[in-house]
């Protein structure tokens, strides 16, 4: 049975075996599962801002900083 997926080896195009293709698919699914499991963390980190900006915000208005950080956490909750 043909996989229809190819790799380049020493300048030659070779079709993947069923086993190689199955492993490629499993690796992709595992990588996607890991990315999905940590999406909440990446979302938070993007919205938190840099440490320098956060420290400046804390210095000027700690209550506003607390409210903003809580809003970020509420928008991207940590899975249980």
PDB file of N, CA and C in Angstrom:
ATOM      1  N   UNK A   1       0.844  -1.180   0.000  1.00  0.00           N
ATOM      2  CA  UNK A   1       0.000   0.000   0.000  1.00  0.00           C
ATOM      3  C   UNK A   1       0.889   1.243   0.000  1.00  0.00           C
ATOM      4  N   UNK A   2       0.502   2.208  -0.750  1.00  0.00           N
ATOM      5  CA  UNK A   2       1.288   3.434  -0.893  1.00  0.00           C
ATOM      6  C   UNK A   2       0.898   4.449   0.180  1.00  0.00           C
ATOM      7  N   UNK A   3       1.914   5.077   0.793  1.00  0.00           N
ATOM      8  CA  UNK A   3       1.632   6.089   1.811  1.00  0.00           C
ATOM      9  C   UNK A   3       1.427   7.461   1.200  1.00  0.00           C
ATOM     10  N   UNK A   4       2.027   7.701   0.051  1.00  0.00           N
ATOM     11  CA  UNK A   4       1.909   9.004  -0.594  1.00  0.00           C
ATOM     12  C   UNK A   4       2.714  10.090   0.098  1.00  0.00           C
ATOM     13  N   UNK A   5       3.601   9.690   1.018  1.00  0.00           N
ATOM     14  CA  UNK A   5       4.451  10.632   1.744  1.00  0.00           C
ATOM     15  C   UNK A   5       5.898  10.257   1.438  1.00  0.00           C
ATOM     16  N   UNK A   6       6.698  11.268   1.147  1.00  0.00           N
ATOM     17  CA  UNK A   6       8.054  11.015   0.705  1.00  0.00           C
ATOM     18  C   UNK A   6       9.076  11.735   1.576  1.00  0.00           C
ATOM     19  N   UNK A   7      10.299  11.227   1.543  1.00  0.00           N
ATOM     20  CA  UNK A   7      11.428  11.869   2.218  1.00  0.00           C
ATOM     21  C   UNK A   7      12.569  11.950   1.221  1.00  0.00           C
ATOM     22  N   UNK A   8      13.488  12.868   1.490  1.00  0.00           N
ATOM     23  CA  UNK A   8      14.637  13.058   0.626  1.00  0.00           C
ATOM     24  C   UNK A   8      15.857  12.463   1.320  1.00  0.00           C
ATOM     25  N   UNK A   9      16.483  11.473   0.702  1.00  0.00           N
ATOM     26  CA  UNK A   9      17.658  10.804   1.256  1.00  0.00           C
ATOM     27  C   UNK A   9      18.759  10.848   0.202  1.00  0.00           C
ATOM     28  N   UNK A  10      19.845  11.535   0.536  1.00  0.00           N
ATOM     29  CA  UNK A  10      20.985  11.659  -0.378  1.00  0.00           C
ATOM     30  C   UNK A  10      20.557  12.126  -1.772  1.00  0.00           C
ATOM     31  N   UNK A  11      19.644  13.083  -1.784  1.00  0.00           N
ATOM     32  CA  UNK A  11      19.200  13.654  -3.044  1.00  0.00           C
ATOM     33  C   UNK A  11      18.178  12.813  -3.784  1.00  0.00           C
ATOM     34  N   UNK A  12      17.761  11.706  -3.186  1.00  0.00           N
ATOM     35  CA  UNK A  12      16.797  10.816  -3.832  1.00  0.00           C
ATOM     36  C   UNK A  12      15.484  10.839  -3.057  1.00  0.00           C
ATOM     37  N   UNK A  13      14.382  10.965  -3.766  1.00  0.00           N
ATOM     38  CA  UNK A  13      13.061  10.972  -3.145  1.00  0.00           C
ATOM     39  C   UNK A  13      12.619   9.528  -2.925  1.00  0.00           C
ATOM     40  N   UNK A  14      12.313   9.215  -1.641  1.00  0.00           N
ATOM     41  CA  UNK A  14      11.922   7.853  -1.276  1.00  0.00           C
ATOM     42  C   UNK A  14      10.601   7.927  -0.509  1.00  0.00           C
ATOM     43  N   UNK A  15       9.711   7.017  -0.845  1.00  0.00           N
ATOM     44  CA  UNK A  15       8.411   6.978  -0.151  1.00  0.00           C
ATOM     45  C   UNK A  15       8.586   6.377   1.240  1.00  0.00           C
ATOM     46  N   UNK A  16       7.887   6.959   2.215  1.00  0.00           N
ATOM     47  CA  UNK A  16       7.924   6.436   3.577  1.00  0.00           C
ATOM     48  C   UNK A  16       7.209   5.091   3.633  1.00  0.00           C
ATOM     49  N   UNK A  17       7.730   4.210   4.479  1.00  0.00           N
ATOM     50  CA  UNK A  17       7.046   2.931   4.703  1.00  0.00           C
ATOM     51  C   UNK A  17       5.817   3.200   5.572  1.00  0.00           C
ATOM     52  N   UNK A  18       4.943   2.223   5.671  1.00  0.00           N
ATOM     53  CA  UNK A  18       3.759   2.352   6.525  1.00  0.00           C
ATOM     54  C   UNK A  18       4.179   2.640   7.967  1.00  0.00           C
ATOM     55  N   UNK A  19       5.211   1.953   8.427  1.00  0.00           N
ATOM     56  CA  UNK A  19       5.689   2.131   9.805  1.00  0.00           C
ATOM     57  C   UNK A  19       6.243   3.545  10.014  1.00  0.00           C
ATOM     58  N   UNK A  20       7.049   4.020   9.063  1.00  0.00           N
ATOM     59  CA  UNK A  20       7.603   5.378   9.169  1.00  0.00           C
ATOM     60  C   UNK A  20       6.484   6.421   9.146  1.00  0.00           C
ATOM     61  N   UNK A  21       5.502   6.210   8.287  1.00  0.00           N
ATOM     62  CA  UNK A  21       4.401   7.158   8.192  1.00  0.00           C
ATOM     63  C   UNK A  21       3.559   7.140   9.462  1.00  0.00           C
ATOM     64  N   UNK A  22       3.324   5.956  10.024  1.00  0.00           N
ATOM     65  CA  UNK A  22       2.573   5.848  11.275  1.00  0.00           C
ATOM     66  C   UNK A  22       3.305   6.571  12.404  1.00  0.00           C
ATOM     67  N   UNK A  23       4.633   6.411  12.447  1.00  0.00           N
ATOM     68  CA  UNK A  23       5.429   7.087  13.469  1.00  0.00           C
ATOM     69  C   UNK A  23       5.385   8.603  13.280  1.00  0.00           C
ATOM     70  N   UNK A  24       5.442   9.049  12.019  1.00  0.00           N
ATOM     71  CA  UNK A  24       5.370  10.487  11.710  1.00  0.00           C
ATOM     72  C   UNK A  24       4.042  11.068  12.196  1.00  0.00           C
ATOM     73  N   UNK A  25       2.966  10.338  11.963  1.00  0.00           N
ATOM     74  CA  UNK A  25       1.639  10.788  12.400  1.00  0.00           C
ATOM     75  C   UNK A  25       1.560  10.801  13.924  1.00  0.00           C
ATOM     76  N   UNK A  26       2.055   9.745  14.577  1.00  0.00           N
ATOM     77  CA  UNK A  26       2.033   9.674  16.042  1.00  0.00           C
ATOM     78  C   UNK A  26       2.854  10.798  16.654  1.00  0.00           C
ATOM     79  N   UNK A  27       4.011  11.102  16.074  1.00  0.00           N
ATOM     80  CA  UNK A  27       4.854  12.191  16.574  1.00  0.00           C
ATOM     81  C   UNK A  27       4.132  13.530  16.451  1.00  0.00           C
ATOM     82  N   UNK A  28       3.459  13.728  15.330  1.00  0.00           N
ATOM     83  CA  UNK A  28       2.713  14.968  15.131  1.00  0.00           C
ATOM     84  C   UNK A  28       1.566  15.110  16.111  1.00  0.00           C
ATOM     85  N   UNK A  29       0.861  14.012  16.371  1.00  0.00           N
ATOM     86  CA  UNK A  29      -0.242  14.038  17.331  1.00  0.00           C
ATOM     87  C   UNK A  29       0.266  14.297  18.743  1.00  0.00           C
ATOM     88  N   UNK A  30       1.403  13.716  19.101  1.00  0.00           N
ATOM     89  CA  UNK A  30       1.987  13.936  20.432  1.00  0.00           C
ATOM     90  C   UNK A  30       2.415  15.393  20.598  1.00  0.00           C
ATOM     91  N   UNK A  31       3.020  15.938  19.563  1.00  0.00           N
ATOM     92  CA  UNK A  31       3.440  17.343  19.621  1.00  0.00           C
ATOM     93  C   UNK A  31       2.232  18.266  19.745  1.00  0.00           C
ATOM     94  N   UNK A  32       1.154  17.953  19.030  1.00  0.00           N
ATOM     95  CA  UNK A  32      -0.059  18.773  19.111  1.00  0.00           C
ATOM     96  C   UNK A  32      -0.691  18.668  20.490  1.00  0.00           C
ATOM     97  N   UNK A  33      -0.705  17.469  21.062  1.00  0.00           N
ATOM     98  CA  UNK A  33      -1.258  17.272  22.402  1.00  0.00           C
ATOM     99  C   UNK A  33      -0.474  18.079  23.433  1.00  0.00           C
ATOM    100  N   UNK A  34       0.846  18.085  23.299  1.00  0.00           N
ATOM    101  CA  UNK A  34       1.676  18.863  24.226  1.00  0.00           C
ATOM    102  C   UNK A  34       1.416  20.356  24.059  1.00  0.00           C
ATOM    103  N   UNK A  35       1.298  20.805  22.825  1.00  0.00           N
ATOM    104  CA  UNK A  35       1.013  22.223  22.567  1.00  0.00           C
ATOM    105  C   UNK A  35      -0.356  22.610  23.133  1.00  0.00           C
ATOM    106  N   UNK A  36      -1.340  21.734  22.969  1.00  0.00           N
ATOM    107  CA  UNK A  36      -2.676  22.015  23.500  1.00  0.00           C
ATOM    108  C   UNK A  36      -2.667  22.065  25.024  1.00  0.00           C
ATOM    109  N   UNK A  37      -1.882  21.179  25.649  1.00  0.00           N
ATOM    110  CA  UNK A  37      -1.830  21.104  27.110  1.00  0.00           C
ATOM    111  C   UNK A  37      -1.199  22.344  27.736  1.00  0.00           C
ATOM    112  N   UNK A  38      -0.334  23.030  26.989  1.00  0.00           N
ATOM    113  CA  UNK A  38       0.339  24.208  27.548  1.00  0.00           C
ATOM    114  C   UNK A  38      -0.145  25.517  26.926  1.00  0.00           C
ATOM    115  N   UNK A  39      -1.246  25.462  26.182  1.00  0.00           N
ATOM    116  CA  UNK A  39      -1.775  26.670  25.528  1.00  0.00           C
ATOM    117  C   UNK A  39      -2.133  27.737  26.550  1.00  0.00           C
ATOM    118  N   UNK A  40      -2.711  27.319  27.690  1.00  0.00           N
ATOM    119  CA  UNK A  40      -3.097  28.292  28.717  1.00  0.00           C
ATOM    120  C   UNK A  40      -1.881  29.076  29.200  1.00  0.00           C
ATOM    121  N   UNK A  41      -0.751  28.407  29.345  1.00  0.00           N
ATOM    122  CA  UNK A  41       0.465  29.056  29.829  1.00  0.00           C
ATOM    123  C   UNK A  41       1.000  30.056  28.809  1.00  0.00           C
ATOM    124  N   UNK A  42       1.056  29.652  27.541  1.00  0.00           N
ATOM    125  CA  UNK A  42       1.523  30.573  26.495  1.00  0.00           C
ATOM    126  C   UNK A  42       0.612  31.799  26.396  1.00  0.00           C
ATOM    127  N   UNK A  43      -0.702  31.578  26.508  1.00  0.00           N
ATOM    128  CA  UNK A  43      -1.640  32.702  26.451  1.00  0.00           C
ATOM    129  C   UNK A  43      -1.382  33.686  27.594  1.00  0.00           C
ATOM    130  N   UNK A  44      -1.166  33.155  28.790  1.00  0.00           N
ATOM    131  CA  UNK A  44      -0.884  34.028  29.937  1.00  0.00           C
ATOM    132  C   UNK A  44       0.416  34.805  29.733  1.00  0.00           C
ATOM    133  N   UNK A  45       1.461  34.113  29.341  1.00  0.00           N
ATOM    134  CA  UNK A  45       2.760  34.758  29.191  1.00  0.00           C
ATOM    135  C   UNK A  45       2.711  35.891  28.176  1.00  0.00           C
ATOM    136  N   UNK A  46       1.969  35.707  27.095  1.00  0.00           N
ATOM    137  CA  UNK A  46       1.850  36.759  26.089  1.00  0.00           C
ATOM    138  C   UNK A  46       1.156  37.995  26.660  1.00  0.00           C
ATOM    139  N   UNK A  47       0.161  37.773  27.506  1.00  0.00           N
ATOM    140  CA  UNK A  47      -0.645  38.887  28.023  1.00  0.00           C
ATOM    141  C   UNK A  47      -0.052  39.541  29.265  1.00  0.00           C
ATOM    142  N   UNK A  48       0.807  38.823  29.995  1.00  0.00           N
ATOM    143  CA  UNK A  48       1.404  39.404  31.199  1.00  0.00           C
ATOM    144  C   UNK A  48       2.287  40.612  30.874  1.00  0.00           C
ATOM    145  N   UNK A  49       3.014  40.536  29.793  1.00  0.00           N
ATOM    146  CA  UNK A  49       3.965  41.603  29.482  1.00  0.00           C
ATOM    147  C   UNK A  49       5.318  41.303  30.109  1.00  0.00           C
ATOM    148  N   UNK A  50       6.273  42.160  29.828  1.00  0.00           N
ATOM    149  CA  UNK A  50       7.635  41.937  30.329  1.00  0.00           C
ATOM    150  C   UNK A  50       7.716  42.196  31.825  1.00  0.00           C
ATOM    151  N   UNK A  51       8.747  41.634  32.441  1.00  0.00           N
ATOM    152  CA  UNK A  51       8.973  41.877  33.870  1.00  0.00           C
ATOM    153  C   UNK A  51       9.172  43.368  34.138  1.00  0.00           C
ATOM    154  N   UNK A  52       9.912  44.030  33.257  1.00  0.00           N
ATOM    155  CA  UNK A  52      10.159  45.463  33.453  1.00  0.00           C
ATOM    156  C   UNK A  52       8.860  46.249  33.468  1.00  0.00           C
ATOM    157  N   UNK A  53       7.975  45.952  32.520  1.00  0.00           N
ATOM    158  CA  UNK A  53       6.694  46.651  32.463  1.00  0.00           C
ATOM    159  C   UNK A  53       5.839  46.340  33.688  1.00  0.00           C
ATOM    160  N   UNK A  54       5.866  45.085  34.113  1.00  0.00           N
ATOM    161  CA  UNK A  54       5.080  44.715  35.297  1.00  0.00           C
ATOM    162  C   UNK A  54       5.597  45.402  36.552  1.00  0.00           C
ATOM    163  N   UNK A  55       6.916  45.450  36.711  1.00  0.00           N
ATOM    164  CA  UNK A  55       7.471  46.125  37.892  1.00  0.00           C
ATOM    165  C   UNK A  55       7.147  47.611  37.899  1.00  0.00           C
ATOM    166  N   UNK A  56       7.179  48.227  36.735  1.00  0.00           N
ATOM    167  CA  UNK A  56       6.812  49.639  36.637  1.00  0.00           C
ATOM    168  C   UNK A  56       5.341  49.819  36.988  1.00  0.00           C
ATOM    169  N   UNK A  57       4.502  48.934  36.494  1.00  0.00           N
ATOM    170  CA  UNK A  57       3.072  49.007  36.795  1.00  0.00           C
ATOM    171  C   UNK A  57       2.816  48.802  38.288  1.00  0.00           C
ATOM    172  N   UNK A  58       3.521  47.867  38.899  1.00  0.00           N
ATOM    173  CA  UNK A  58       3.384  47.629  40.341  1.00  0.00           C
ATOM    174  C   UNK A  58       3.792  48.878  41.117  1.00  0.00           C
ATOM    175  N   UNK A  59       4.887  49.503  40.721  1.00  0.00           N
ATOM    176  CA  UNK A  59       5.369  50.702  41.399  1.00  0.00           C
ATOM    177  C   UNK A  59       4.326  51.816  41.335  1.00  0.00           C
ATOM    178  N   UNK A  60       3.718  51.996  40.163  1.00  0.00           N
ATOM    179  CA  UNK A  60       2.776  53.104  39.983  1.00  0.00           C
ATOM    180  C   UNK A  60       1.382  52.810  40.523  1.00  0.00           C
ATOM    181  N   UNK A  61       0.909  51.557  40.394  1.00  0.00           N
ATOM    182  CA  UNK A  61      -0.451  51.248  40.844  1.00  0.00           C
ATOM    183  C   UNK A  61      -0.594  49.740  41.014  1.00  0.00           C
ATOM    184  N   UNK A  62      -0.239  49.263  42.196  1.00  0.00           N
ATOM    185  CA  UNK A  62      -0.241  47.822  42.444  1.00  0.00           C
ATOM    186  C   UNK A  62      -1.642  47.233  42.330  1.00  0.00           C
ATOM    187  N   UNK A  63      -2.661  47.988  42.717  1.00  0.00           N
ATOM    188  CA  UNK A  63      -4.030  47.467  42.634  1.00  0.00           C
ATOM    189  C   UNK A  63      -4.460  47.247  41.183  1.00  0.00           C
ATOM    190  N   UNK A  64      -4.097  48.155  40.298  1.00  0.00           N
ATOM    191  CA  UNK A  64      -4.420  48.001  38.878  1.00  0.00           C
ATOM    192  C   UNK A  64      -3.669  46.797  38.306  1.00  0.00           C
ATOM    193  N   UNK A  65      -2.424  46.614  38.728  1.00  0.00           N
ATOM    194  CA  UNK A  65      -1.639  45.464  38.273  1.00  0.00           C
ATOM    195  C   UNK A  65      -2.294  44.161  38.729  1.00  0.00           C
ATOM    196  N   UNK A  66      -2.689  44.094  39.999  1.00  0.00           N
ATOM    197  CA  UNK A  66      -3.345  42.888  40.516  1.00  0.00           C
ATOM    198  C   UNK A  66      -4.611  42.577  39.724  1.00  0.00           C
ATOM    199  N   UNK A  67      -5.401  43.595  39.444  1.00  0.00           N
ATOM    200  CA  UNK A  67      -6.646  43.394  38.698  1.00  0.00           C
ATOM    201  C   UNK A  67      -6.359  42.909  37.282  1.00  0.00           C
ATOM    202  N   UNK A  68      -5.342  43.473  36.646  1.00  0.00           N
ATOM    203  CA  UNK A  68      -5.005  43.071  35.274  1.00  0.00           C
ATOM    204  C   UNK A  68      -4.506  41.633  35.248  1.00  0.00           C
ATOM    205  N   UNK A  69      -3.639  41.270  36.171  1.00  0.00           N
ATOM    206  CA  UNK A  69      -3.102  39.911  36.222  1.00  0.00           C
ATOM    207  C   UNK A  69      -4.223  38.914  36.510  1.00  0.00           C
ATOM    208  N   UNK A  70      -5.140  39.258  37.406  1.00  0.00           N
ATOM    209  CA  UNK A  70      -6.262  38.362  37.699  1.00  0.00           C
ATOM    210  C   UNK A  70      -7.151  38.181  36.479  1.00  0.00           C
ATOM    211  N   UNK A  71      -7.347  39.256  35.709  1.00  0.00           N
ATOM    212  CA  UNK A  71      -8.144  39.155  34.481  1.00  0.00           C
ATOM    213  C   UNK A  71      -7.470  38.224  33.470  1.00  0.00           C
ATOM    214  N   UNK A  72      -6.146  38.291  33.385  1.00  0.00           N
ATOM    215  CA  UNK A  72      -5.409  37.403  32.481  1.00  0.00           C
ATOM    216  C   UNK A  72      -5.578  35.958  32.941  1.00  0.00           C
ATOM    217  N   UNK A  73      -5.440  35.724  34.244  1.00  0.00           N
ATOM    218  CA  UNK A  73      -5.594  34.361  34.767  1.00  0.00           C
ATOM    219  C   UNK A  73      -7.007  33.841  34.561  1.00  0.00           C
ATOM    220  N   UNK A  74      -8.003  34.684  34.730  1.00  0.00           N
ATOM    221  CA  UNK A  74      -9.380  34.275  34.525  1.00  0.00           C
ATOM    222  C   UNK A  74      -9.656  33.948  33.052  1.00  0.00           C
ATOM    223  N   UNK A  75      -9.021  34.681  32.148  1.00  0.00           N
ATOM    224  CA  UNK A  75      -9.222  34.466  30.719  1.00  0.00           C
ATOM    225  C   UNK A  75      -8.525  33.184  30.236  1.00  0.00           C
ATOM    226  N   UNK A  76      -7.447  32.794  30.900  1.00  0.00           N
ATOM    227  CA  UNK A  76      -6.698  31.593  30.520  1.00  0.00           C
ATOM    228  C   UNK A  76      -6.461  30.744  31.762  1.00  0.00           C
ATOM    229  N   UNK A  77      -7.510  30.050  32.229  1.00  0.00           N
ATOM    230  CA  UNK A  77      -7.366  29.298  33.478  1.00  0.00           C
ATOM    231  C   UNK A  77      -6.426  28.108  33.352  1.00  0.00           C
ATOM    232  N   UNK A  78      -5.758  27.832  34.457  1.00  0.00           N
ATOM    233  CA  UNK A  78      -4.867  26.673  34.528  1.00  0.00           C
ATOM    234  C   UNK A  78      -5.730  25.427  34.638  1.00  0.00           C
ATOM    235  N   UNK A  79      -5.462  24.407  33.809  1.00  0.00           N
ATOM    236  CA  UNK A  79      -6.266  23.185  33.899  1.00  0.00           C
ATOM    237  C   UNK A  79      -6.057  22.478  35.231  1.00  0.00           C
ATOM    238  N   UNK A  80      -7.078  21.842  35.680  1.00  0.00           N
ATOM    239  CA  UNK A  80      -7.015  21.112  36.972  1.00  0.00           C
ATOM    240  C   UNK A  80      -6.355  19.774  36.793  1.00  0.00           C
TER     241      UNK A  80
END
